[in-house]
Amino acid sequence: MYYDFFGFREPPFSIAPDPRYLYLSDRHKEALAHLMYGVQGQGGFIVITGEVGTGKTTVSRCFIENAPDNVDIALVLNPRLSARELLSSICDELEIPHDIGATIKELVDLINQDLLKAHAAGRHKVLMIDEAQNLSADVLEQLRLLTNLETAEKKLLQIVLLGQPELQEILALPELRQLNQRVTARYHLDAIGKNELPAYLRYRLSVAGMRGDIFSPRAVQRLYRESQGIPRLINLISDRALLGAYAEGEHEITADHIRHAAKEVRGPSIGPRPSRQGGSPDRSQYLIVAASVLVAIIGTAWLFERWAPGEPALAEQPAAEPLQGAIERVADEPAQMVEAEMPDSADTGDSTSIPEPQALAKLEVPGQLLDPAEAFRMLFGIWGRDYQPADAPVACDFASENGLACLERQGSRRSLEFLDRPVMLQLQDQAGNSGYVVIRHLDGDTAEVALPSGNVELSFASIEPYWFGEYRVLWRLPEYLTGDGFYSTDNGQQLWIGARMMELAEALSASRPESDQIKRMSAEEQVRWYQSARGLTVDGIAGAMTIIQMNNDLEASVPRLQPSESGNRSGNRSGNRE
């Protein structure tokens, strides 16, 4: 209903478990990392728990979407089954033919044969059960027996249990101690943190086709208070708030919209309400009485001042100034004040009262040139890293140890603007003096240069005669190269690219069918598509230039060379860490 009004292609706050809308908070990354652990074929159980609405099902769908090609996943959504019914459902999911009246033993034998064939073909089977807190103890014991299927080298089946916190209590029962001992990984998925909520909202809005913020800061605060960070509640309240704003013709979501939406989502409160007749008065009644007393006090003080002994009566006061005259006088006063404050140009001898803009300072060569070590120290400082050349003589080795990498190229000013990173330029004058300057920001002819004495603004035109195209920049390494977080697994690169391509496909594709087609491509095909769309060398390899441009398009929080259109890009003026 409100999609066209706000410019969405689809509802941004649907509660359907669409993997495209999964905001990978630190908690969700860890949950996915635990699921990826199962793909490695360790066997046993993985248990993922979380409160209602924290995103367990969405995480599982994202895992399924990004699982390696050699993995077959059986997903059971309705666990309220008997042991035989569950085995039959597993056979259905794994496409194992079986008789409707097959016994438990016959079903287990069929599953065992299928697992052996899959192992011989180099494939791995994963069984995922959602809402696993509904499994009975008998069914859980039958699942444990399935993990006995193994070869001499490995278990043949990995089982993932997704459920609410009470699942942990069920597994702690004495009769399930054998199963509990086979749990190789556990993770509890918490709600979204307060500081993560703005990014969560921006992410879902961008996937739905909108760039920018439509939630006011107070609305975000109220939304967190009403939802406590539970993603499902966030989505339900936000959806209702958008509908409320649409009904009022407002394009910004306010705290009032969130408050009314939260009431609609929760429904009427249950329980007796204080009676207004004979019961205790509510807060509004006290406020009315207090306001009445305050008005009476103010009125009495005013009358006392006006009619105090020795003061002239109202009739003796000067006649009131006509309303129109008062308006004209007040309107004229500002102009008179300005005229009184402005100096007379004829008296001062100035031809104009507007000062001329000062010309930018020029680069002093070789006075303001830096040696390589000092230049790298300045460049690392912009990225929030404390580089000490004496402790790390090779600057680029220090970069890789701190999540960054060096890129050295030959190019023009256009190359610098394309990369959009603070840059270290190598300069040389006609006398053979050489050195470096580090440019923090570049806006037109204004270059903000980092020097040991502080930042100064110089004319870029004064730098260009000494620059022959050599430059160096730092760029952020992706998580699959730094070994941190969820993407440090063997399939981390594929997952990292896939997650970002979901966003880039939404942002750059011309239509929904094209976006869906891109998302179905392999990681290499997606990289080729993106390189072609951005005018990069099309080789299907996510190298430095490709990753830098991906981070630019996804508005990663990294130091930038150029100001944004709004004049203040995140990280530009602060030199923050990423």
Protein backbone atom coordinates (compact mmCIF):
# COMPACT_ATOMS: atom_id res chain seq x y z
CA MET A 1 0.00 0.00 0.00
CA TYR A 2 2.72 2.49 1.01
CA TYR A 3 5.47 1.15 -1.25
CA ASP A 4 5.11 3.71 -4.04
CA PHE A 5 4.71 6.54 -1.52
CA PHE A 6 8.14 5.87 0.00
CA GLY A 7 9.75 4.55 -3.18
CA PHE A 8 10.10 0.88 -2.18
CA ARG A 9 10.15 -2.00 -4.63
CA GLU A 10 8.88 -4.37 -1.96
CA PRO A 11 8.01 -4.30 1.74
CA PRO A 12 11.23 -3.68 3.69
CA PHE A 13 9.98 -5.07 7.00
CA SER A 14 8.31 -8.32 6.04
CA ILE A 15 8.66 -11.03 8.70
CA ALA A 16 9.21 -13.71 6.04
CA PRO A 17 12.67 -15.34 6.44
CA ASP A 18 14.13 -13.84 3.25
CA PRO A 19 17.94 -14.29 3.32
CA ARG A 20 18.39 -11.08 1.30
CA TYR A 21 17.15 -9.12 4.29
CA LEU A 22 19.41 -10.77 6.85
CA TYR A 23 21.47 -8.03 8.48
CA LEU A 24 24.69 -9.72 9.51
CA SER A 25 25.23 -8.38 13.00
CA ASP A 26 28.16 -9.77 14.96
CA ARG A 27 25.79 -12.24 16.62
CA HIS A 28 24.36 -13.47 13.33
CA LYS A 29 27.87 -13.85 11.89
CA GLU A 30 28.82 -16.06 14.82
CA ALA A 31 25.66 -18.12 14.42
CA LEU A 32 26.43 -18.62 10.73
CA ALA A 33 29.99 -19.54 11.61
CA HIS A 34 28.68 -22.33 13.82
CA LEU A 35 26.50 -23.58 10.98
CA MET A 36 29.44 -23.47 8.58
CA TYR A 37 31.29 -25.65 11.05
CA GLY A 38 28.81 -28.40 10.22
CA VAL A 39 29.58 -28.22 6.51
CA GLN A 40 33.13 -29.30 7.27
CA GLY A 41 31.78 -32.77 8.01
CA GLN A 42 32.69 -33.10 11.69
CA GLY A 43 29.46 -34.91 12.49
CA GLY A 44 27.44 -34.79 15.67
CA PHE A 45 24.99 -32.05 16.66
CA ILE A 46 25.06 -28.28 16.38
CA VAL A 47 22.58 -26.40 18.57
CA ILE A 48 21.52 -22.83 17.78
CA THR A 49 19.10 -21.29 20.28
CA GLY A 50 17.51 -17.87 20.59
CA GLU A 51 14.43 -16.09 21.85
CA VAL A 52 11.32 -15.86 19.68
CA GLY A 53 11.89 -13.56 16.74
CA THR A 54 15.68 -13.18 17.01
CA GLY A 55 16.26 -14.47 13.46
CA LYS A 56 17.11 -18.16 13.85
CA THR A 57 15.04 -19.21 10.84
CA THR A 58 16.41 -16.39 8.69
CA VAL A 59 19.96 -17.38 9.60
CA SER A 60 19.23 -20.95 8.58
CA ARG A 61 17.83 -19.79 5.22
CA CYS A 62 20.95 -17.71 4.62
CA PHE A 63 23.08 -20.75 5.40
CA ILE A 64 21.07 -22.86 2.95
CA GLU A 65 21.41 -20.19 0.25
CA ASN A 66 25.19 -20.03 0.65
CA ALA A 67 26.01 -23.67 1.38
CA PRO A 68 28.68 -25.22 -0.87
CA ASP A 69 27.55 -27.15 -3.92
CA ASN A 70 28.59 -30.52 -2.47
CA VAL A 71 26.19 -30.20 0.48
CA ASP A 72 22.68 -31.65 0.51
CA ILE A 73 20.42 -30.22 3.19
CA ALA A 74 17.29 -31.84 4.58
CA LEU A 75 15.12 -29.21 6.29
CA VAL A 76 12.36 -30.26 8.68
CA LEU A 77 10.01 -27.43 9.64
CA ASN A 78 7.38 -29.37 11.60
CA PRO A 79 9.07 -31.37 14.36
CA ARG A 80 5.86 -32.41 16.13
CA LEU A 81 6.25 -35.90 14.72
CA SER A 82 6.77 -39.41 15.94
CA ALA A 83 10.13 -41.08 15.38
CA ARG A 84 8.85 -42.96 12.33
CA GLU A 85 7.19 -39.85 10.87
CA LEU A 86 10.40 -37.87 11.33
CA LEU A 87 12.47 -40.53 9.54
CA SER A 88 9.93 -40.55 6.73
CA SER A 89 10.18 -36.74 6.47
CA ILE A 90 13.98 -37.00 6.29
CA CYS A 91 13.66 -39.50 3.45
CA ASP A 92 11.31 -37.12 1.65
CA GLU A 93 13.73 -34.20 2.02
CA LEU A 94 16.69 -36.29 0.84
CA GLU A 95 14.60 -37.72 -2.03
CA ILE A 96 15.00 -41.29 -0.81
CA PRO A 97 12.21 -43.56 -2.16
CA HIS A 98 10.43 -45.48 0.59
CA ASP A 99 7.15 -47.26 1.30
CA ILE A 100 4.48 -45.38 3.21
CA GLY A 101 4.26 -48.19 5.77
CA ALA A 102 8.02 -48.71 6.16
CA THR A 103 9.22 -49.53 9.67
CA ILE A 104 11.79 -47.49 11.60
CA LYS A 105 14.49 -50.07 10.84
CA GLU A 106 13.71 -50.01 7.12
CA LEU A 107 13.82 -46.21 7.04
CA VAL A 108 17.12 -46.10 8.94
CA ASP A 109 18.63 -48.66 6.53
CA LEU A 110 17.53 -46.57 3.53
CA ILE A 111 19.02 -43.42 5.06
CA ASN A 112 22.26 -45.26 5.83
CA GLN A 113 22.57 -46.50 2.23
CA ASP A 114 21.94 -43.00 0.90
CA LEU A 115 24.58 -41.50 3.22
CA LEU A 116 27.17 -44.08 2.08
CA LYS A 117 26.45 -43.33 -1.57
CA ALA A 118 26.74 -39.61 -0.91
CA HIS A 119 30.06 -40.08 0.89
CA ALA A 120 31.44 -42.12 -2.02
CA ALA A 121 30.40 -39.33 -4.41
CA GLY A 122 32.11 -36.68 -2.29
CA ARG A 123 28.88 -35.17 -0.99
CA HIS A 124 27.92 -34.25 2.54
CA LYS A 125 24.48 -34.49 4.16
CA VAL A 126 23.15 -32.01 6.71
CA LEU A 127 19.83 -32.37 8.56
CA MET A 128 18.36 -29.12 9.90
CA ILE A 129 15.37 -29.15 12.26
CA ASP A 130 13.64 -25.85 13.04
CA GLU A 131 11.61 -25.31 16.22
CA ALA A 132 13.51 -28.23 17.73
CA GLN A 133 12.24 -27.45 21.24
CA ASN A 134 9.09 -29.27 20.16
CA LEU A 135 10.91 -32.60 19.70
CA SER A 136 10.05 -35.29 22.20
CA ALA A 137 12.74 -37.18 24.10
CA ASP A 138 12.03 -40.36 22.07
CA VAL A 139 12.50 -38.54 18.77
CA LEU A 140 15.71 -36.88 19.99
CA GLU A 141 17.06 -40.29 20.97
CA GLN A 142 16.26 -41.59 17.47
CA LEU A 143 18.19 -38.63 16.02
CA ARG A 144 21.16 -39.56 18.18
CA LEU A 145 21.10 -43.06 16.75
CA LEU A 146 21.26 -41.57 13.26
CA THR A 147 24.62 -39.99 14.15
CA ASN A 148 25.99 -43.51 14.71
CA LEU A 149 26.06 -43.89 10.92
CA GLU A 150 29.70 -43.42 10.06
CA THR A 151 32.73 -44.68 8.20
CA ALA A 152 36.18 -45.26 9.66
CA GLU A 153 37.08 -41.63 8.89
CA LYS A 154 34.01 -39.53 9.61
CA LYS A 155 30.39 -39.25 10.64
CA LEU A 156 28.02 -39.41 7.68
CA LEU A 157 25.36 -37.03 8.97
CA GLN A 158 25.50 -33.60 10.56
CA ILE A 159 22.38 -32.57 12.51
CA VAL A 160 21.57 -28.94 13.27
CA LEU A 161 18.91 -28.15 15.88
CA LEU A 162 17.37 -24.66 15.86
CA GLY A 163 15.13 -23.80 18.76
CA GLN A 164 14.08 -21.55 21.60
CA PRO A 165 16.09 -21.39 24.87
CA GLU A 166 14.12 -24.23 26.45
CA LEU A 167 15.83 -26.57 23.96
CA GLN A 168 18.96 -26.35 26.12
CA GLU A 169 16.92 -27.40 29.15
CA ILE A 170 15.52 -30.39 27.25
CA LEU A 171 18.99 -31.51 26.17
CA ALA A 172 20.15 -31.31 29.80
CA LEU A 173 17.66 -34.03 30.84
CA PRO A 174 19.38 -37.14 32.28
CA GLU A 175 17.83 -39.44 29.66
CA LEU A 176 19.40 -37.33 26.87
CA ARG A 177 22.91 -37.12 28.31
CA GLN A 178 24.35 -39.22 25.47
CA LEU A 179 22.94 -36.83 22.89
CA ASN A 180 24.09 -33.81 24.90
CA GLN A 181 27.64 -35.14 24.86
CA ARG A 182 27.56 -35.25 21.05
CA VAL A 183 26.85 -31.53 20.69
CA THR A 184 30.03 -30.20 19.09
CA ALA A 185 28.98 -26.55 18.91
CA ARG A 186 26.42 -24.38 20.69
CA TYR A 187 25.41 -20.78 20.17
CA HIS A 188 22.70 -18.58 21.67
CA LEU A 189 21.45 -15.85 19.35
CA ASP A 190 20.76 -12.63 21.26
CA ALA A 191 18.71 -9.64 20.17
CA ILE A 192 20.15 -6.77 18.12
CA GLY A 193 22.10 -4.22 20.16
CA LYS A 194 20.89 -0.63 20.50
CA ASN A 195 23.88 0.71 18.58
CA GLU A 196 23.22 -1.74 15.72
CA LEU A 197 19.58 -0.77 15.18
CA PRO A 198 20.20 2.24 12.83
CA ALA A 199 22.39 0.09 10.57
CA TYR A 200 19.76 -2.68 10.64
CA LEU A 201 17.07 -0.26 9.49
CA ARG A 202 19.26 1.27 6.76
CA TYR A 203 20.16 -2.19 5.46
CA ARG A 204 16.56 -3.36 5.11
CA LEU A 205 15.51 -0.07 3.52
CA SER A 206 18.33 -0.29 0.98
CA VAL A 207 17.45 -3.88 0.02
CA ALA A 208 13.87 -2.69 -0.55
CA GLY A 209 15.13 0.02 -2.90
CA MET A 210 15.65 3.13 -0.75
CA ARG A 211 18.88 4.89 0.14
CA GLY A 212 18.93 7.14 3.19
CA ASP A 213 17.26 7.38 6.58
CA ILE A 214 13.53 7.93 7.04
CA PHE A 215 13.50 7.15 10.77
CA SER A 216 14.20 10.14 12.99
CA PRO A 217 16.77 9.63 15.81
CA ARG A 218 13.99 9.77 18.42
CA ALA A 219 12.00 7.22 16.43
CA VAL A 220 14.97 4.83 16.46
CA GLN A 221 15.32 5.22 20.23
CA ARG A 222 11.62 4.59 20.75
CA LEU A 223 11.72 1.60 18.38
CA TYR A 224 14.47 -0.04 20.39
CA ARG A 225 12.61 0.59 23.65
CA GLU A 226 9.43 -0.95 22.25
CA SER A 227 11.13 -3.95 20.59
CA GLN A 228 14.13 -4.56 22.88
CA GLY A 229 16.09 -5.41 19.75
CA ILE A 230 13.97 -8.44 18.76
CA PRO A 231 14.11 -8.41 14.91
CA ARG A 232 10.55 -9.71 14.46
CA LEU A 233 9.13 -6.97 16.70
CA ILE A 234 11.30 -4.39 14.96
CA ASN A 235 9.87 -5.45 11.62
CA LEU A 236 6.25 -5.55 12.78
CA ILE A 237 6.39 -2.15 14.48
CA SER A 238 8.31 -0.53 11.61
CA ASP A 239 5.83 -1.84 9.06
CA ARG A 240 2.90 -0.40 11.00
CA ALA A 241 4.76 2.88 11.51
CA LEU A 242 5.32 3.21 7.75
CA LEU A 243 1.63 2.62 7.19
CA GLY A 244 0.76 5.26 9.78
CA ALA A 245 3.10 7.83 8.23
CA TYR A 246 1.65 7.08 4.79
CA ALA A 247 -1.87 7.69 6.11
CA GLU A 248 -0.73 11.10 7.38
CA GLY A 249 1.20 11.96 4.22
CA GLU A 250 4.50 12.10 6.15
CA HIS A 251 7.80 10.90 4.68
CA GLU A 252 9.63 10.75 8.02
CA ILE A 253 8.91 8.21 10.75
CA THR A 254 8.65 9.93 14.13
CA ALA A 255 8.57 8.66 17.70
CA ASP A 256 4.79 9.12 17.73
CA HIS A 257 4.44 6.85 14.70
CA ILE A 258 6.48 4.19 16.52
CA ARG A 259 4.45 4.59 19.72
CA HIS A 260 1.10 4.16 17.95
CA ALA A 261 2.45 1.27 15.86
CA ALA A 262 3.71 -0.56 18.96
CA LYS A 263 0.25 -0.30 20.55
CA GLU A 264 -1.35 -1.78 17.43
CA VAL A 265 1.17 -4.62 17.27
CA ARG A 266 0.74 -5.55 20.93
CA GLY A 267 -3.03 -5.10 20.95
CA PRO A 268 -5.05 -3.93 23.97
CA SER A 269 -3.48 -4.47 27.36
CA ILE A 270 -4.96 -7.28 29.44
CA GLY A 271 -6.13 -6.66 33.00
CA PRO A 272 -8.42 -4.29 34.91
CA ARG A 273 -8.03 -0.57 34.38
CA PRO A 274 -8.52 1.96 37.20
CA SER A 275 -12.09 3.26 37.33
CA ARG A 276 -12.63 6.96 36.84
CA GLN A 277 -15.61 6.89 39.16
CA GLY A 278 -14.91 6.17 42.77
CA GLY A 279 -11.47 4.72 42.04
CA SER A 280 -8.05 6.30 42.27
CA PRO A 281 -7.63 9.29 39.97
CA ASP A 282 -5.26 8.78 37.06
CA ARG A 283 -2.23 10.90 36.31
CA SER A 284 -4.06 13.19 33.90
CA GLN A 285 -6.44 14.30 36.66
CA TYR A 286 -3.54 15.34 38.85
CA LEU A 287 -2.02 17.27 35.97
CA ILE A 288 -5.28 19.14 35.35
CA VAL A 289 -5.53 20.18 39.02
CA ALA A 290 -1.88 21.25 39.10
CA ALA A 291 -2.30 23.31 35.93
CA SER A 292 -5.39 25.03 37.36
CA VAL A 293 -3.54 26.00 40.56
CA LEU A 294 -0.60 27.33 38.55
CA VAL A 295 -2.85 29.52 36.39
CA ALA A 296 -4.56 30.92 39.50
CA ILE A 297 -1.21 31.80 41.10
CA ILE A 298 0.07 33.54 37.97
CA GLY A 299 -3.19 35.49 37.57
CA THR A 300 -3.16 36.65 41.19
CA ALA A 301 0.44 37.85 40.94
CA TRP A 302 -0.32 39.80 37.77
CA LEU A 303 -3.35 41.55 39.33
CA PHE A 304 -1.40 42.40 42.47
CA GLU A 305 1.36 43.99 40.39
CA ARG A 306 -1.08 46.01 38.30
CA TRP A 307 -3.24 47.22 41.20
CA ALA A 308 -0.65 47.64 43.95
CA PRO A 309 -0.99 50.84 46.08
CA GLY A 310 0.88 53.86 44.65
CA GLU A 311 0.72 52.60 41.11
CA PRO A 312 -1.43 54.42 38.47
CA ALA A 313 -4.66 52.76 37.47
CA LEU A 314 -5.00 51.13 34.09
CA ALA A 315 -6.87 54.13 32.74
CA GLU A 316 -3.92 56.38 33.57
CA GLN A 317 -1.41 54.34 31.56
CA PRO A 318 -0.25 55.67 28.16
CA ALA A 319 -2.53 54.78 25.32
CA ALA A 320 -1.66 51.50 23.70
CA GLU A 321 0.13 51.69 20.37
CA PRO A 322 -2.10 50.71 17.45
CA LEU A 323 -1.41 47.10 16.35
CA GLN A 324 -0.49 48.01 12.78
CA GLY A 325 1.92 50.70 13.97
CA ALA A 326 3.63 48.30 16.32
CA ILE A 327 4.09 45.76 13.53
CA GLU A 328 5.60 48.36 11.22
CA ARG A 329 7.94 49.62 13.97
CA VAL A 330 9.20 46.14 14.82
CA ALA A 331 9.66 45.36 11.14
CA ASP A 332 11.75 48.50 10.68
CA GLU A 333 13.97 47.98 13.75
CA PRO A 334 16.16 45.16 12.37
CA ALA A 335 16.96 47.20 9.27
CA GLN A 336 17.86 50.22 11.39
CA MET A 337 20.09 48.12 13.61
CA VAL A 338 21.92 46.70 10.60
CA GLU A 339 22.43 50.17 9.16
CA ALA A 340 23.84 51.36 12.48
CA GLU A 341 26.29 48.45 12.71
CA MET A 342 27.53 48.47 9.09
CA PRO A 343 30.46 50.86 8.46
CA ASP A 344 30.04 53.49 5.77
CA SER A 345 32.14 52.45 2.83
CA ALA A 346 32.65 56.06 1.78
CA ASP A 347 34.11 56.93 5.16
CA THR A 348 36.43 53.94 5.31
CA GLY A 349 37.55 54.12 1.74
CA ASP A 350 36.54 50.49 0.96
CA SER A 351 35.06 49.86 -2.45
CA THR A 352 33.07 46.89 -1.10
CA SER A 353 32.13 45.46 2.28
CA ILE A 354 32.53 41.79 1.17
CA PRO A 355 36.08 40.46 1.71
CA GLU A 356 37.78 38.71 -1.20
CA PRO A 357 38.47 34.97 -0.72
CA GLN A 358 42.02 34.17 0.23
CA ALA A 359 44.07 32.16 -2.28
CA LEU A 360 45.15 28.66 -1.24
CA ALA A 361 48.72 28.21 -0.08
CA LYS A 362 51.14 26.50 -2.44
CA LEU A 363 53.27 23.45 -1.82
CA GLU A 364 56.78 24.24 -0.68
CA VAL A 365 59.31 21.94 -2.35
CA PRO A 366 61.30 20.37 -0.79
CA GLY A 367 60.31 21.97 2.53
CA GLN A 368 56.98 20.15 2.90
CA LEU A 369 58.00 16.80 1.39
CA LEU A 370 58.15 13.74 3.67
CA ASP A 371 60.43 10.73 3.63
CA PRO A 372 58.73 7.34 2.96
CA ALA A 373 58.60 6.28 6.61
CA GLU A 374 57.06 9.56 7.77
CA ALA A 375 54.59 9.55 4.89
CA PHE A 376 53.43 6.03 5.77
CA ARG A 377 53.09 7.09 9.41
CA MET A 378 50.79 9.92 8.34
CA LEU A 379 48.77 7.61 6.05
CA PHE A 380 48.34 4.93 8.73
CA GLY A 381 47.30 7.64 11.18
CA ILE A 382 44.36 8.56 8.93
CA TRP A 383 43.21 4.92 9.17
CA GLY A 384 43.56 4.98 12.96
CA ARG A 385 46.70 2.82 13.10
CA ASP A 386 49.77 3.82 15.09
CA TYR A 387 52.68 3.00 12.78
CA GLN A 388 56.19 3.15 14.22
CA PRO A 389 58.76 2.66 11.43
CA ALA A 390 61.42 1.58 13.93
CA ASP A 391 59.26 -1.35 15.07
CA ALA A 392 58.03 -2.36 11.60
CA PRO A 393 60.49 -1.37 8.86
CA VAL A 394 58.29 -2.82 6.08
CA ALA A 395 55.15 -0.68 6.07
CA CYS A 396 53.05 -3.03 3.96
CA ASP A 397 53.76 -5.94 6.30
CA PHE A 398 52.48 -3.78 9.14
CA ALA A 399 49.38 -3.07 7.04
CA SER A 400 48.56 -6.75 6.53
CA GLU A 401 48.94 -7.39 10.27
CA ASN A 402 46.36 -4.67 10.93
CA GLY A 403 43.65 -5.67 8.45
CA LEU A 404 44.88 -3.43 5.62
CA ALA A 405 46.86 -3.80 2.40
CA CYS A 406 49.03 -1.53 0.25
CA LEU A 407 48.21 -0.70 -3.35
CA GLU A 408 50.88 0.96 -5.46
CA ARG A 409 49.87 2.20 -8.90
CA GLN A 410 50.57 4.69 -11.68
CA GLY A 411 47.71 6.91 -12.72
CA SER A 412 46.13 10.34 -12.87
CA ARG A 413 43.91 12.45 -10.66
CA ARG A 414 40.95 10.53 -12.07
CA SER A 415 42.51 7.32 -10.70
CA LEU A 416 42.70 8.87 -7.24
CA GLU A 417 39.06 9.94 -7.39
CA PHE A 418 37.98 6.49 -8.58
CA LEU A 419 39.70 4.75 -5.64
CA ASP A 420 38.50 7.47 -3.25
CA ARG A 421 41.04 6.75 -0.50
CA PRO A 422 43.57 9.03 1.23
CA VAL A 423 46.65 8.85 -0.95
CA MET A 424 50.41 9.10 -0.70
CA LEU A 425 51.93 10.82 -3.77
CA GLN A 426 55.58 10.56 -4.78
CA LEU A 427 56.90 13.94 -5.98
CA GLN A 428 60.13 15.17 -7.58
CA ASP A 429 61.30 18.63 -8.68
CA GLN A 430 63.68 19.62 -11.47
CA ALA A 431 66.61 19.76 -9.06
CA GLY A 432 66.14 16.08 -8.22
CA ASN A 433 64.63 16.61 -4.78
CA SER A 434 62.09 13.84 -4.12
CA GLY A 435 59.69 12.98 -1.35
CA TYR A 436 56.03 12.35 -0.56
CA VAL A 437 52.89 14.19 0.37
CA VAL A 438 49.87 12.56 1.99
CA ILE A 439 46.51 13.94 0.87
CA ARG A 440 43.70 13.32 3.34
CA HIS A 441 40.94 14.97 1.29
CA LEU A 442 40.61 16.44 -2.17
CA ASP A 443 37.78 18.82 -3.06
CA GLY A 444 38.20 20.73 -6.33
CA ASP A 445 41.59 22.45 -6.11
CA THR A 446 41.66 22.17 -2.32
CA ALA A 447 43.94 19.42 -1.04
CA GLU A 448 44.05 18.77 2.71
CA VAL A 449 47.59 17.56 3.29
CA ALA A 450 48.73 15.68 6.41
CA LEU A 451 51.99 16.99 7.85
CA PRO A 452 53.74 16.26 11.17
CA SER A 453 52.86 19.79 12.29
CA GLY A 454 49.18 19.27 11.46
CA ASN A 455 46.82 19.33 8.49
CA VAL A 456 47.07 22.18 6.00
CA GLU A 457 45.05 23.11 2.93
CA LEU A 458 47.12 23.53 -0.22
CA SER A 459 46.33 24.08 -3.86
CA PHE A 460 46.38 20.78 -5.76
CA ALA A 461 47.52 22.76 -8.80
CA SER A 462 50.76 23.52 -6.94
CA ILE A 463 51.31 19.79 -6.32
CA GLU A 464 50.62 18.47 -9.82
CA PRO A 465 53.81 19.84 -11.54
CA TYR A 466 55.91 17.60 -9.25
CA TRP A 467 53.75 14.48 -9.55
CA PHE A 468 54.44 11.98 -12.32
CA GLY A 469 51.62 9.55 -11.56
CA GLU A 470 53.02 7.31 -8.80
CA TYR A 471 50.77 6.86 -5.77
CA ARG A 472 50.05 4.50 -2.91
CA VAL A 473 46.84 3.90 -0.98
CA LEU A 474 45.76 1.65 1.85
CA TRP A 475 42.61 -0.45 1.55
CA ARG A 476 40.70 -2.68 3.92
CA LEU A 477 41.19 -6.43 3.57
CA PRO A 478 38.00 -8.53 3.51
CA GLU A 479 37.37 -10.77 6.51
CA TYR A 480 38.13 -13.98 4.61
CA LEU A 481 41.73 -12.76 4.17
CA THR A 482 42.24 -11.51 7.73
CA GLY A 483 41.00 -14.73 9.34
CA ASP A 484 38.50 -12.91 11.54
CA GLY A 485 34.85 -13.69 12.18
CA PHE A 486 32.40 -15.75 10.20
CA TYR A 487 34.21 -15.50 6.85
CA SER A 488 37.40 -17.14 8.14
CA THR A 489 36.12 -20.58 7.09
CA ASP A 490 37.23 -22.47 3.99
CA ASN A 491 34.25 -21.11 2.09
CA GLY A 492 34.62 -17.63 3.53
CA GLN A 493 35.46 -15.92 0.23
CA GLN A 494 32.40 -17.33 -1.52
CA LEU A 495 30.15 -16.35 1.39
CA TRP A 496 31.66 -12.85 1.66
CA ILE A 497 31.20 -12.17 -2.05
CA GLY A 498 27.71 -13.67 -2.04
CA ALA A 499 26.55 -11.52 0.87
CA ARG A 500 27.76 -8.31 -0.78
CA MET A 501 26.50 -9.24 -4.21
CA MET A 502 23.00 -9.54 -2.75
CA GLU A 503 23.21 -5.84 -1.87
CA LEU A 504 24.96 -4.79 -5.08
CA ALA A 505 22.45 -6.64 -7.25
CA GLU A 506 19.64 -4.72 -5.56
CA ALA A 507 21.44 -1.40 -5.96
CA LEU A 508 22.78 -1.70 -9.52
CA SER A 509 20.37 -3.95 -11.43
CA ALA A 510 17.71 -2.31 -13.58
CA SER A 511 14.87 -4.66 -12.64
CA ARG A 512 13.85 -7.31 -10.15
CA PRO A 513 14.25 -10.18 -12.66
CA GLU A 514 17.79 -9.01 -13.42
CA SER A 515 18.54 -8.78 -9.69
CA ASP A 516 17.24 -12.31 -9.10
CA GLN A 517 19.30 -13.62 -12.03
CA ILE A 518 22.48 -12.08 -10.61
CA LYS A 519 21.84 -13.63 -7.19
CA ARG A 520 21.62 -17.09 -8.77
CA MET A 521 25.04 -16.75 -10.41
CA SER A 522 28.17 -18.38 -9.06
CA ALA A 523 30.60 -16.17 -7.12
CA GLU A 524 32.93 -15.84 -10.14
CA GLU A 525 30.06 -14.92 -12.46
CA GLN A 526 28.85 -12.32 -9.98
CA VAL A 527 32.32 -10.76 -9.81
CA ARG A 528 32.49 -10.64 -13.62
CA TRP A 529 29.09 -8.97 -13.76
CA TYR A 530 30.14 -6.35 -11.22
CA GLN A 531 33.50 -5.68 -12.89
CA SER A 532 31.75 -5.15 -16.21
CA ALA A 533 29.18 -2.82 -14.63
CA ARG A 534 31.90 -0.72 -13.02
CA GLY A 535 34.35 -0.58 -15.93
CA LEU A 536 36.98 -2.73 -14.22
CA THR A 537 39.13 -5.43 -15.77
CA VAL A 538 36.76 -8.38 -16.21
CA ASP A 539 38.64 -11.43 -14.90
CA GLY A 540 36.26 -12.84 -12.26
CA ILE A 541 38.87 -12.30 -9.52
CA ALA A 542 37.99 -10.13 -6.53
CA GLY A 543 41.27 -8.23 -6.43
CA ALA A 544 42.17 -4.94 -4.76
CA MET A 545 40.50 -2.64 -7.32
CA THR A 546 37.29 -4.70 -7.30
CA ILE A 547 37.01 -4.90 -3.50
CA ILE A 548 37.77 -1.19 -3.08
CA GLN A 549 35.00 -0.29 -5.51
CA MET A 550 32.59 -2.74 -3.87
CA ASN A 551 33.20 -1.04 -0.51
CA ASN A 552 32.62 2.34 -2.17
CA ASP A 553 29.27 1.25 -3.61
CA LEU A 554 28.23 -0.28 -0.30
CA GLU A 555 29.26 2.90 1.53
CA ALA A 556 31.67 1.13 3.85
CA SER A 557 32.82 3.21 6.81
CA VAL A 558 36.39 3.84 5.67
CA PRO A 559 38.40 7.06 5.22
CA ARG A 560 37.55 8.69 1.89
CA LEU A 561 39.46 11.12 -0.31
CA GLN A 562 36.49 13.04 -1.67
CA PRO A 563 33.59 14.60 0.20
CA SER A 564 30.18 13.06 -0.30
CA GLU A 565 27.35 14.92 -2.01
CA SER A 566 26.09 16.00 1.39
CA GLY A 567 29.54 17.34 2.20
CA ASN A 568 30.26 15.01 5.07
CA ARG A 569 31.05 11.38 4.34
CA SER A 570 31.45 9.03 7.24
CA GLY A 571 35.07 8.86 8.27
CA ASN A 572 36.21 11.77 6.11
CA ARG A 573 36.93 14.34 8.74
CA SER A 574 37.55 12.17 11.73
CA GLY A 575 40.14 9.66 10.57
CA ASN A 576 38.26 6.94 12.42
CA ARG A 577 39.10 3.31 12.34
CA GLU A 578 37.00 1.20 10.04
